[in-house]
Amino acid sequence: MDSFAFVESTHRDTLAVIDSATDEELNASPGPGRWTVGQVLEHILKTDLSIIPVFRSALKERRPYSGTVKGVERATNRSVKIEAPEFIRPSDEPKSREALRQALEEARRTLVESAKAVGTPEELEHLGAPVPHPVFGELSLREWLEFVGYHEQRHVAQAREALEAVRKL
């Protein structure tokens, strides 16, 4: 798998969700205790922004990685509830469709450029991240990159469900 193509393809799905929703739909509650579509998308944005420094730090200090593959594709399993750390939880503020789309595009572009500056997917596979993942632990940089795509797949499904629920209200 080309990790960069995977991450970029998954991101197109996110942008399609944004493009299919109005500001009102982005900010409407799909039900008690559930994030709005806008909050799900803001969480994806905050996650991307939090991962950019992983690649920027790795560019400065290239660490070899000899660990085992952790199976980051498990991030798509929504039957396992994972509490988002505070720094990537979305705000309750209303979201603007255009502002959110622009921010998501810029963050993803910066994340991919930062990862590509470190190396190819094959090179990233043999380099260690400067920080462990909060759920998976120590990952190679390739696994960090692929986590971005799997994490996004998880939340795009959540956003689509929330959008569908809002449209039924």
N, C-alpha and C. Protein backbone atom coordinates (compact mmCIF):
# COMPACT_ATOMS: atom_id res chain seq x y z
N MET A 1 0.85 -1.18 0.00
CA MET A 1 0.00 0.00 0.00
C MET A 1 0.89 1.25 0.00
N ASP A 2 0.51 2.20 -0.81
CA ASP A 2 1.19 3.50 -0.80
C ASP A 2 0.53 4.32 0.31
N SER A 3 1.24 4.48 1.39
CA SER A 3 0.69 5.15 2.58
C SER A 3 0.23 6.57 2.28
N PHE A 4 0.97 7.28 1.44
CA PHE A 4 0.59 8.66 1.12
C PHE A 4 -0.70 8.69 0.31
N ALA A 5 -0.83 7.80 -0.67
CA ALA A 5 -2.05 7.74 -1.48
C ALA A 5 -3.24 7.37 -0.60
N PHE A 6 -3.03 6.45 0.34
CA PHE A 6 -4.10 6.04 1.27
C PHE A 6 -4.59 7.23 2.09
N VAL A 7 -3.68 7.97 2.66
CA VAL A 7 -4.05 9.12 3.50
C VAL A 7 -4.75 10.20 2.66
N GLU A 8 -4.27 10.42 1.46
CA GLU A 8 -4.90 11.44 0.61
C GLU A 8 -6.28 10.98 0.13
N SER A 9 -6.45 9.71 -0.17
CA SER A 9 -7.74 9.17 -0.60
C SER A 9 -8.76 9.27 0.53
N THR A 10 -8.36 8.89 1.71
CA THR A 10 -9.26 8.96 2.86
C THR A 10 -9.68 10.40 3.12
N HIS A 11 -8.76 11.31 2.93
CA HIS A 11 -9.09 12.72 3.17
C HIS A 11 -10.13 13.24 2.18
N ARG A 12 -10.10 12.73 0.97
CA ARG A 12 -11.13 13.12 -0.01
C ARG A 12 -12.52 12.75 0.49
N ASP A 13 -12.63 11.63 1.20
CA ASP A 13 -13.92 11.22 1.78
C ASP A 13 -14.38 12.23 2.83
N THR A 14 -13.45 12.74 3.60
CA THR A 14 -13.78 13.75 4.62
C THR A 14 -14.28 15.02 3.95
N LEU A 15 -13.58 15.45 2.92
CA LEU A 15 -13.99 16.67 2.22
C LEU A 15 -15.36 16.49 1.56
N ALA A 16 -15.66 15.29 1.12
CA ALA A 16 -16.97 15.02 0.52
C ALA A 16 -18.08 15.16 1.56
N VAL A 17 -17.82 14.74 2.79
CA VAL A 17 -18.81 14.92 3.86
C VAL A 17 -19.05 16.40 4.10
N ILE A 18 -17.98 17.18 4.17
CA ILE A 18 -18.12 18.63 4.38
C ILE A 18 -18.92 19.24 3.23
N ASP A 19 -18.57 18.88 2.02
CA ASP A 19 -19.22 19.45 0.85
C ASP A 19 -20.69 19.10 0.76
N SER A 20 -21.09 18.01 1.40
CA SER A 20 -22.48 17.58 1.32
C SER A 20 -23.35 18.17 2.44
N ALA A 21 -22.73 18.89 3.36
CA ALA A 21 -23.47 19.41 4.52
C ALA A 21 -23.56 20.94 4.49
N THR A 22 -24.59 21.44 5.12
CA THR A 22 -24.72 22.89 5.31
C THR A 22 -24.12 23.25 6.67
N ASP A 23 -23.93 24.53 6.91
CA ASP A 23 -23.46 24.96 8.23
C ASP A 23 -24.43 24.50 9.32
N GLU A 24 -25.72 24.59 9.03
CA GLU A 24 -26.73 24.17 10.01
C GLU A 24 -26.58 22.69 10.34
N GLU A 25 -26.39 21.87 9.31
CA GLU A 25 -26.23 20.43 9.53
C GLU A 25 -24.95 20.13 10.28
N LEU A 26 -23.89 20.87 10.00
CA LEU A 26 -22.62 20.65 10.70
C LEU A 26 -22.75 20.90 12.20
N ASN A 27 -23.63 21.81 12.56
CA ASN A 27 -23.73 22.24 13.96
C ASN A 27 -24.93 21.66 14.71
N ALA A 28 -25.76 20.89 14.03
CA ALA A 28 -26.94 20.30 14.67
C ALA A 28 -26.55 19.05 15.46
N SER A 29 -27.16 18.88 16.62
CA SER A 29 -26.88 17.72 17.45
C SER A 29 -27.59 16.48 16.90
N PRO A 30 -26.85 15.39 16.70
CA PRO A 30 -27.49 14.17 16.23
C PRO A 30 -28.14 13.38 17.37
N GLY A 31 -27.94 13.83 18.59
CA GLY A 31 -28.53 13.15 19.73
C GLY A 31 -27.71 13.39 20.98
N PRO A 32 -28.27 13.07 22.14
CA PRO A 32 -27.57 13.29 23.41
C PRO A 32 -26.25 12.52 23.48
N GLY A 33 -25.22 13.22 23.93
CA GLY A 33 -23.92 12.60 24.12
C GLY A 33 -23.16 12.30 22.85
N ARG A 34 -23.65 12.80 21.72
CA ARG A 34 -22.97 12.55 20.44
C ARG A 34 -22.41 13.86 19.90
N TRP A 35 -21.26 13.75 19.23
CA TRP A 35 -20.66 14.92 18.59
C TRP A 35 -21.46 15.30 17.36
N THR A 36 -21.49 16.59 17.08
CA THR A 36 -22.06 17.06 15.83
C THR A 36 -21.10 16.69 14.69
N VAL A 37 -21.57 16.79 13.46
CA VAL A 37 -20.70 16.53 12.31
C VAL A 37 -19.49 17.47 12.38
N GLY A 38 -19.75 18.73 12.68
CA GLY A 38 -18.66 19.71 12.78
C GLY A 38 -17.65 19.35 13.85
N GLN A 39 -18.12 18.83 14.97
CA GLN A 39 -17.20 18.44 16.04
C GLN A 39 -16.35 17.24 15.63
N VAL A 40 -16.96 16.29 14.92
CA VAL A 40 -16.19 15.14 14.42
C VAL A 40 -15.09 15.62 13.49
N LEU A 41 -15.44 16.53 12.60
CA LEU A 41 -14.45 17.06 11.65
C LEU A 41 -13.38 17.89 12.35
N GLU A 42 -13.77 18.64 13.36
CA GLU A 42 -12.78 19.40 14.13
C GLU A 42 -11.82 18.46 14.86
N HIS A 43 -12.34 17.33 15.34
CA HIS A 43 -11.48 16.33 15.98
C HIS A 43 -10.45 15.79 14.99
N ILE A 44 -10.87 15.51 13.75
CA ILE A 44 -9.92 15.07 12.72
C ILE A 44 -8.86 16.14 12.51
N LEU A 45 -9.29 17.39 12.43
CA LEU A 45 -8.36 18.51 12.25
C LEU A 45 -7.36 18.58 13.40
N LYS A 46 -7.85 18.55 14.63
CA LYS A 46 -6.95 18.65 15.79
C LYS A 46 -5.99 17.47 15.85
N THR A 47 -6.45 16.30 15.42
CA THR A 47 -5.57 15.13 15.40
C THR A 47 -4.45 15.33 14.39
N ASP A 48 -4.81 15.78 13.19
CA ASP A 48 -3.78 16.06 12.18
C ASP A 48 -2.77 17.07 12.72
N LEU A 49 -3.27 18.14 13.29
CA LEU A 49 -2.37 19.18 13.81
C LEU A 49 -1.45 18.65 14.91
N SER A 50 -1.94 17.68 15.69
CA SER A 50 -1.12 17.12 16.77
C SER A 50 -0.07 16.14 16.25
N ILE A 51 -0.28 15.61 15.04
CA ILE A 51 0.66 14.63 14.48
C ILE A 51 1.75 15.29 13.63
N ILE A 52 1.50 16.47 13.12
CA ILE A 52 2.52 17.17 12.33
C ILE A 52 3.85 17.26 13.08
N PRO A 53 3.87 17.62 14.37
CA PRO A 53 5.16 17.70 15.09
C PRO A 53 5.89 16.36 15.20
N VAL A 54 5.18 15.25 15.12
CA VAL A 54 5.82 13.94 15.14
C VAL A 54 6.79 13.83 13.96
N PHE A 55 6.31 14.23 12.78
CA PHE A 55 7.15 14.14 11.58
C PHE A 55 8.21 15.23 11.56
N ARG A 56 7.87 16.41 12.02
CA ARG A 56 8.87 17.49 12.05
C ARG A 56 10.01 17.16 13.00
N SER A 57 9.70 16.56 14.13
CA SER A 57 10.75 16.15 15.07
C SER A 57 11.60 15.03 14.49
N ALA A 58 10.94 14.11 13.79
CA ALA A 58 11.66 12.98 13.19
C ALA A 58 12.62 13.44 12.10
N LEU A 59 12.28 14.55 11.45
CA LEU A 59 13.17 15.08 10.41
C LEU A 59 14.48 15.56 11.04
N LYS A 60 14.38 16.10 12.25
CA LYS A 60 15.57 16.61 12.94
C LYS A 60 16.38 15.50 13.59
N GLU A 61 15.67 14.48 14.06
CA GLU A 61 16.36 13.38 14.74
C GLU A 61 15.83 12.05 14.21
N ARG A 62 16.55 11.48 13.28
CA ARG A 62 16.13 10.22 12.65
C ARG A 62 16.51 9.06 13.55
N ARG A 63 15.51 8.40 14.09
CA ARG A 63 15.71 7.26 14.99
C ARG A 63 15.35 5.97 14.27
N PRO A 64 16.20 4.97 14.31
CA PRO A 64 15.84 3.69 13.70
C PRO A 64 14.70 3.03 14.47
N TYR A 65 13.89 2.27 13.77
CA TYR A 65 12.77 1.56 14.40
C TYR A 65 12.93 0.08 14.14
N SER A 66 12.86 -0.70 15.20
CA SER A 66 12.99 -2.15 15.04
C SER A 66 11.84 -2.87 15.76
N GLY A 67 10.80 -2.13 16.07
CA GLY A 67 9.65 -2.72 16.76
C GLY A 67 8.81 -3.57 15.83
N THR A 68 7.72 -4.07 16.38
CA THR A 68 6.81 -4.89 15.61
C THR A 68 5.62 -4.05 15.13
N VAL A 69 4.99 -4.50 14.06
CA VAL A 69 3.82 -3.82 13.52
C VAL A 69 2.69 -3.92 14.54
N LYS A 70 2.05 -2.80 14.82
CA LYS A 70 1.03 -2.74 15.88
C LYS A 70 -0.40 -2.88 15.38
N GLY A 71 -0.61 -2.87 14.09
CA GLY A 71 -1.97 -3.04 13.58
C GLY A 71 -2.83 -1.80 13.77
N VAL A 72 -2.34 -0.67 13.29
CA VAL A 72 -3.08 0.59 13.47
C VAL A 72 -4.41 0.60 12.72
N GLU A 73 -4.63 -0.36 11.82
CA GLU A 73 -5.92 -0.44 11.14
C GLU A 73 -7.05 -0.71 12.14
N ARG A 74 -6.71 -1.18 13.33
CA ARG A 74 -7.71 -1.38 14.38
C ARG A 74 -8.38 -0.07 14.79
N ALA A 75 -7.80 1.04 14.41
CA ALA A 75 -8.40 2.34 14.73
C ALA A 75 -9.77 2.49 14.07
N THR A 76 -10.05 1.72 13.04
CA THR A 76 -11.35 1.81 12.36
C THR A 76 -12.45 1.08 13.13
N ASN A 77 -12.10 0.27 14.10
CA ASN A 77 -13.08 -0.51 14.85
C ASN A 77 -13.84 0.38 15.82
N ARG A 78 -15.02 0.80 15.42
CA ARG A 78 -15.81 1.72 16.23
C ARG A 78 -16.55 1.03 17.37
N SER A 79 -16.48 -0.29 17.43
CA SER A 79 -17.10 -0.98 18.57
C SER A 79 -16.25 -0.80 19.83
N VAL A 80 -15.00 -0.40 19.64
CA VAL A 80 -14.12 -0.10 20.76
C VAL A 80 -14.14 1.40 20.97
N LYS A 81 -14.71 1.83 22.08
CA LYS A 81 -14.82 3.27 22.40
C LYS A 81 -13.47 3.75 22.94
N ILE A 82 -12.98 4.83 22.37
CA ILE A 82 -11.72 5.42 22.82
C ILE A 82 -12.00 6.86 23.19
N GLU A 83 -11.68 7.23 24.39
CA GLU A 83 -11.88 8.61 24.85
C GLU A 83 -10.76 9.49 24.29
N ALA A 84 -11.15 10.50 23.54
CA ALA A 84 -10.15 11.41 22.95
C ALA A 84 -9.46 12.21 24.05
N PRO A 85 -8.13 12.29 23.98
CA PRO A 85 -7.43 13.15 24.95
C PRO A 85 -7.92 14.59 24.83
N GLU A 86 -7.85 15.31 25.90
CA GLU A 86 -8.37 16.68 25.96
C GLU A 86 -7.87 17.56 24.81
N PHE A 87 -6.60 17.44 24.46
CA PHE A 87 -6.03 18.35 23.46
C PHE A 87 -6.57 18.14 22.04
N ILE A 88 -7.27 17.03 21.80
CA ILE A 88 -7.86 16.84 20.47
C ILE A 88 -9.39 16.74 20.52
N ARG A 89 -9.96 17.08 21.66
CA ARG A 89 -11.43 17.12 21.75
C ARG A 89 -11.94 18.39 21.08
N PRO A 90 -13.06 18.27 20.39
CA PRO A 90 -13.61 19.45 19.71
C PRO A 90 -14.27 20.42 20.69
N SER A 91 -14.37 21.65 20.26
CA SER A 91 -15.03 22.68 21.06
C SER A 91 -16.54 22.62 20.82
N ASP A 92 -17.27 23.36 21.61
CA ASP A 92 -18.72 23.47 21.43
C ASP A 92 -19.08 24.65 20.54
N GLU A 93 -18.08 25.39 20.07
CA GLU A 93 -18.32 26.55 19.22
C GLU A 93 -18.92 26.13 17.89
N PRO A 94 -19.80 26.97 17.31
CA PRO A 94 -20.35 26.65 15.98
C PRO A 94 -19.23 26.60 14.94
N LYS A 95 -19.41 25.72 13.97
CA LYS A 95 -18.41 25.53 12.92
C LYS A 95 -18.91 26.12 11.61
N SER A 96 -17.99 26.71 10.88
CA SER A 96 -18.27 27.20 9.53
C SER A 96 -17.76 26.16 8.54
N ARG A 97 -18.61 25.74 7.64
CA ARG A 97 -18.25 24.72 6.65
C ARG A 97 -17.00 25.12 5.87
N GLU A 98 -16.97 26.33 5.36
CA GLU A 98 -15.84 26.77 4.54
C GLU A 98 -14.55 26.88 5.37
N ALA A 99 -14.66 27.44 6.57
CA ALA A 99 -13.47 27.59 7.42
C ALA A 99 -12.93 26.22 7.83
N LEU A 100 -13.83 25.32 8.16
CA LEU A 100 -13.41 23.97 8.56
C LEU A 100 -12.76 23.23 7.39
N ARG A 101 -13.35 23.36 6.22
CA ARG A 101 -12.79 22.70 5.03
C ARG A 101 -11.38 23.23 4.74
N GLN A 102 -11.24 24.54 4.78
CA GLN A 102 -9.94 25.15 4.50
C GLN A 102 -8.90 24.71 5.53
N ALA A 103 -9.28 24.70 6.80
CA ALA A 103 -8.35 24.30 7.86
C ALA A 103 -7.96 22.83 7.71
N LEU A 104 -8.92 21.97 7.39
CA LEU A 104 -8.62 20.55 7.20
C LEU A 104 -7.67 20.33 6.01
N GLU A 105 -7.92 21.04 4.92
CA GLU A 105 -7.04 20.90 3.75
C GLU A 105 -5.62 21.35 4.07
N GLU A 106 -5.50 22.48 4.74
CA GLU A 106 -4.17 23.02 5.08
C GLU A 106 -3.43 22.09 6.05
N ALA A 107 -4.13 21.61 7.06
CA ALA A 107 -3.49 20.72 8.03
C ALA A 107 -3.02 19.43 7.36
N ARG A 108 -3.86 18.86 6.50
CA ARG A 108 -3.47 17.61 5.85
C ARG A 108 -2.32 17.83 4.89
N ARG A 109 -2.35 18.94 4.17
CA ARG A 109 -1.24 19.25 3.26
C ARG A 109 0.07 19.36 4.06
N THR A 110 0.02 20.06 5.17
CA THR A 110 1.22 20.23 6.01
C THR A 110 1.67 18.90 6.58
N LEU A 111 0.73 18.07 7.02
CA LEU A 111 1.09 16.77 7.59
C LEU A 111 1.77 15.90 6.53
N VAL A 112 1.18 15.82 5.35
CA VAL A 112 1.75 14.98 4.28
C VAL A 112 3.12 15.52 3.85
N GLU A 113 3.24 16.83 3.69
CA GLU A 113 4.53 17.41 3.32
C GLU A 113 5.58 17.12 4.39
N SER A 114 5.20 17.22 5.66
CA SER A 114 6.14 16.94 6.75
C SER A 114 6.59 15.49 6.73
N ALA A 115 5.64 14.58 6.46
CA ALA A 115 5.99 13.16 6.40
C ALA A 115 6.88 12.87 5.19
N LYS A 116 6.54 13.46 4.04
CA LYS A 116 7.34 13.23 2.83
C LYS A 116 8.74 13.79 2.98
N ALA A 117 8.90 14.86 3.76
CA ALA A 117 10.23 15.42 3.97
C ALA A 117 11.13 14.44 4.72
N VAL A 118 10.52 13.55 5.50
CA VAL A 118 11.30 12.55 6.24
C VAL A 118 11.68 11.39 5.33
N GLY A 119 10.76 10.98 4.45
CA GLY A 119 11.11 9.88 3.55
C GLY A 119 9.92 9.24 2.88
N THR A 120 10.20 8.20 2.12
CA THR A 120 9.19 7.42 1.44
C THR A 120 8.50 6.52 2.47
N PRO A 121 7.37 5.90 2.11
CA PRO A 121 6.74 4.97 3.06
C PRO A 121 7.70 3.86 3.51
N GLU A 122 8.51 3.38 2.59
CA GLU A 122 9.47 2.33 2.95
C GLU A 122 10.50 2.85 3.95
N GLU A 123 10.97 4.06 3.75
CA GLU A 123 11.93 4.65 4.70
C GLU A 123 11.26 4.92 6.04
N LEU A 124 10.01 5.39 6.01
CA LEU A 124 9.28 5.68 7.25
C LEU A 124 9.06 4.42 8.08
N GLU A 125 8.96 3.29 7.40
CA GLU A 125 8.76 2.01 8.09
C GLU A 125 9.93 1.67 9.00
N HIS A 126 11.11 2.17 8.66
CA HIS A 126 12.32 1.84 9.43
C HIS A 126 12.77 2.96 10.36
N LEU A 127 11.90 3.97 10.50
CA LEU A 127 12.22 5.08 11.39
C LEU A 127 11.22 5.13 12.53
N GLY A 128 11.72 5.40 13.72
CA GLY A 128 10.87 5.47 14.90
C GLY A 128 10.36 6.87 15.14
N ALA A 129 9.18 6.93 15.69
CA ALA A 129 8.59 8.23 16.05
C ALA A 129 9.20 8.72 17.36
N PRO A 130 9.30 10.04 17.51
CA PRO A 130 9.89 10.59 18.73
C PRO A 130 8.98 10.46 19.96
N VAL A 131 7.71 10.14 19.73
CA VAL A 131 6.75 9.99 20.83
C VAL A 131 5.90 8.75 20.58
N PRO A 132 5.43 8.10 21.65
CA PRO A 132 4.55 6.95 21.46
C PRO A 132 3.12 7.41 21.15
N HIS A 133 2.37 6.57 20.49
CA HIS A 133 0.95 6.84 20.25
C HIS A 133 0.21 6.56 21.57
N PRO A 134 -0.80 7.37 21.93
CA PRO A 134 -1.47 7.17 23.22
C PRO A 134 -2.21 5.83 23.36
N VAL A 135 -2.60 5.20 22.27
CA VAL A 135 -3.30 3.92 22.33
C VAL A 135 -2.40 2.77 21.91
N PHE A 136 -1.65 2.93 20.83
CA PHE A 136 -0.86 1.84 20.25
C PHE A 136 0.57 1.74 20.78
N GLY A 137 1.04 2.77 21.45
CA GLY A 137 2.41 2.76 21.95
C GLY A 137 3.40 3.15 20.88
N GLU A 138 4.59 2.55 20.95
CA GLU A 138 5.65 2.91 20.01
C GLU A 138 5.29 2.44 18.60
N LEU A 139 5.36 3.37 17.66
CA LEU A 139 5.04 3.09 16.26
C LEU A 139 6.17 3.55 15.37
N SER A 140 6.25 2.93 14.20
CA SER A 140 7.15 3.46 13.17
C SER A 140 6.48 4.71 12.60
N LEU A 141 7.24 5.51 11.89
CA LEU A 141 6.64 6.69 11.27
C LEU A 141 5.63 6.30 10.19
N ARG A 142 5.84 5.18 9.54
CA ARG A 142 4.85 4.72 8.55
C ARG A 142 3.53 4.38 9.23
N GLU A 143 3.63 3.73 10.40
CA GLU A 143 2.40 3.42 11.14
C GLU A 143 1.71 4.69 11.61
N TRP A 144 2.46 5.69 12.02
CA TRP A 144 1.86 6.97 12.38
C TRP A 144 1.10 7.55 11.20
N LEU A 145 1.73 7.52 10.02
CA LEU A 145 1.09 8.05 8.82
C LEU A 145 -0.18 7.25 8.49
N GLU A 146 -0.09 5.95 8.53
CA GLU A 146 -1.25 5.13 8.22
C GLU A 146 -2.33 5.28 9.28
N PHE A 147 -1.94 5.50 10.52
CA PHE A 147 -2.92 5.76 11.57
C PHE A 147 -3.79 6.96 11.20
N VAL A 148 -3.18 7.98 10.61
CA VAL A 148 -3.93 9.17 10.19
C VAL A 148 -5.09 8.76 9.30
N GLY A 149 -4.84 7.90 8.32
CA GLY A 149 -5.89 7.45 7.41
C GLY A 149 -6.93 6.59 8.10
N TYR A 150 -6.50 5.65 8.92
CA TYR A 150 -7.46 4.77 9.60
C TYR A 150 -8.30 5.55 10.62
N HIS A 151 -7.66 6.44 11.34
CA HIS A 151 -8.38 7.29 12.28
C HIS A 151 -9.43 8.11 11.55
N GLU A 152 -9.05 8.63 10.40
CA GLU A 152 -9.98 9.44 9.62
C GLU A 152 -11.14 8.58 9.10
N GLN A 153 -10.85 7.35 8.66
CA GLN A 153 -11.93 6.47 8.21
C GLN A 153 -12.94 6.25 9.33
N ARG A 154 -12.44 6.03 10.52
CA ARG A 154 -13.31 5.82 11.68
C ARG A 154 -14.26 6.99 11.85
N HIS A 155 -13.70 8.19 11.78
CA HIS A 155 -14.50 9.38 12.07
C HIS A 155 -15.32 9.85 10.88
N VAL A 156 -14.92 9.52 9.66
CA VAL A 156 -15.77 9.83 8.51
C VAL A 156 -17.05 9.02 8.62
N ALA A 157 -16.94 7.75 9.02
CA ALA A 157 -18.14 6.93 9.22
C ALA A 157 -19.02 7.54 10.31
N GLN A 158 -18.40 8.00 11.38
CA GLN A 158 -19.14 8.65 12.46
C GLN A 158 -19.82 9.93 11.97
N ALA A 159 -19.11 10.73 11.18
CA ALA A 159 -19.67 11.97 10.65
C ALA A 159 -20.85 11.69 9.72
N ARG A 160 -20.71 10.67 8.89
CA ARG A 160 -21.82 10.31 7.98
C ARG A 160 -23.05 9.88 8.77
N GLU A 161 -22.85 9.11 9.82
CA GLU A 161 -23.98 8.69 10.67
C GLU A 161 -24.63 9.88 11.35
N ALA A 162 -23.81 10.79 11.84
CA ALA A 162 -24.35 11.99 12.50
C ALA A 162 -25.12 12.84 11.50
N LEU A 163 -24.60 12.97 10.29
CA LEU A 163 -25.27 13.75 9.26
C LEU A 163 -26.62 13.12 8.90
N GLU A 164 -26.62 11.82 8.77
CA GLU A 164 -27.87 11.10 8.47
C GLU A 164 -28.88 11.30 9.59
N ALA A 165 -28.42 11.22 10.84
CA ALA A 165 -29.33 11.40 11.99
C ALA A 165 -29.91 12.80 12.01
N VAL A 166 -29.07 13.81 11.72
CA VAL A 166 -29.52 15.21 11.71
C VAL A 166 -30.54 15.43 10.61
N ARG A 167 -30.35 14.81 9.49
CA ARG A 167 -31.29 14.99 8.37
C ARG A 167 -32.63 14.32 8.63
N LYS A 168 -32.67 13.39 9.57
CA LYS A 168 -33.94 12.73 9.92
C LYS A 168 -34.72 13.50 10.98
N LEU A 169 -34.08 14.48 11.59
CA LEU A 169 -34.75 15.25 12.66
C LEU A 169 -35.83 16.15 12.10
